[in-house]
Protein backbone atom coordinates (compact mmCIF):
# COMPACT_ATOMS: atom_id res chain seq x y z
CA UNK A 1 14.30 -11.38 25.15
CA UNK A 2 12.73 -13.21 22.22
CA UNK A 3 13.12 -11.67 18.77
CA UNK A 4 9.38 -11.50 18.05
CA UNK A 5 7.43 -8.59 16.56
CA UNK A 6 4.72 -7.47 18.99
CA UNK A 7 2.26 -6.58 16.20
CA UNK A 8 2.74 -9.13 13.42
CA UNK A 9 4.18 -12.03 15.46
CA UNK A 10 7.11 -12.45 13.08
CA UNK A 11 9.93 -14.55 14.52
CA UNK A 12 13.27 -15.93 13.30
CA UNK A 13 12.95 -18.57 10.58
CA UNK A 14 15.17 -21.56 9.87
CA UNK A 15 16.95 -21.93 6.57
CA UNK A 16 20.17 -23.14 5.08
CA UNK A 17 23.28 -21.93 3.32
CA UNK A 18 23.95 -23.99 0.20
CA UNK A 19 27.59 -24.18 -0.92
CA UNK A 20 28.05 -24.86 -4.63
CA UNK A 21 31.20 -25.52 -6.62
CA UNK A 22 31.95 -25.84 -10.31
CA UNK A 23 31.32 -23.74 -13.38
CA UNK A 24 27.78 -23.40 -14.74
CA UNK A 25 26.90 -25.05 -18.04
CA UNK A 26 25.91 -21.63 -19.41
CA UNK A 27 29.48 -20.43 -18.80
CA UNK A 28 31.01 -23.48 -20.51
CA UNK A 29 31.48 -25.80 -17.54
CA UNK A 30 29.98 -29.18 -16.67
CA UNK A 31 27.51 -27.74 -14.16
CA UNK A 32 27.53 -26.76 -10.49
CA UNK A 33 27.24 -29.26 -7.65
CA UNK A 34 26.15 -28.83 -4.03
CA UNK A 35 29.10 -29.54 -1.73
CA UNK A 36 27.66 -28.60 1.68
CA UNK A 37 24.44 -27.46 3.33
CA UNK A 38 24.70 -25.57 6.63
CA UNK A 39 21.82 -24.56 8.87
CA UNK A 40 21.25 -20.84 9.54
CA UNK A 41 18.65 -18.44 10.93
CA UNK A 42 16.87 -15.57 9.18
CA UNK A 43 16.46 -12.94 11.91
CA UNK A 44 13.62 -10.41 11.97
CA UNK A 45 14.55 -6.74 11.47
CA UNK A 46 13.21 -5.49 14.83
CA UNK A 47 13.14 -1.82 15.76
CA UNK A 48 12.42 -0.30 19.17
CA UNK A 49 9.71 2.33 18.60
CA UNK A 50 7.87 4.64 20.98
CA UNK A 51 4.26 3.99 19.96
CA UNK A 52 0.77 5.09 20.88
CA UNK A 53 -1.26 1.98 21.71
CA UNK A 54 -5.03 1.66 21.02
CA UNK A 55 -5.66 1.93 24.79
CA UNK A 56 -4.09 5.43 24.73
CA UNK A 57 -0.92 4.31 26.50
CA UNK A 58 2.48 5.41 25.19
CA UNK A 59 5.29 2.88 25.48
CA UNK A 60 8.26 1.37 23.67
CA UNK A 61 7.48 -1.72 21.60
CA UNK A 62 9.68 -3.99 19.48
CA UNK A 63 8.24 -4.01 15.98
CA UNK A 64 9.48 -5.38 12.66
CA UNK A 65 10.49 -2.89 9.97
CA UNK A 66 7.80 -4.37 7.70
CA UNK A 67 5.10 -3.44 10.25
CA UNK A 68 6.39 0.15 10.37
CA UNK A 69 6.35 0.36 6.55
CA UNK A 70 2.78 -0.99 6.43
CA UNK A 71 1.68 1.76 8.83
CA UNK A 72 0.63 -0.55 11.66
CA UNK A 73 2.46 1.65 14.19
CA UNK A 74 1.23 5.09 15.24
CA UNK A 75 4.17 7.02 16.62
CA UNK A 76 3.71 8.80 19.94
CA UNK A 77 3.33 12.61 19.83
CA UNK A 78 6.28 14.70 20.95
CA UNK A 79 6.35 15.71 24.60
CA UNK A 80 5.36 19.36 25.16
CA UNK A 81 5.70 19.65 28.94
CA UNK A 82 9.02 20.26 30.72
CA UNK A 83 10.50 18.20 33.53
CA UNK A 84 10.29 19.60 37.05
CA UNK A 85 13.60 20.93 38.31
CA UNK A 86 15.01 19.37 41.49
CA UNK A 87 15.01 21.76 44.45
């Protein structure tokens, strides 16, 4: 399953880890130097939330934490009815 937010469309982004060595000039050294650059991914903080959709349907959706904080998700109301007992 793709790590994509269903509301905002956020997806993992590419980036890099930059390794530096040496002491900074501010600290009395001769400056830092880049020794290696490695590729990495910034993953989206996805949460599985039971939401009320605009169509009135209640279902689980995968949404980013930022979308929840913005208030883009309306949480489903709590269930009031009881399950039928098996006879």
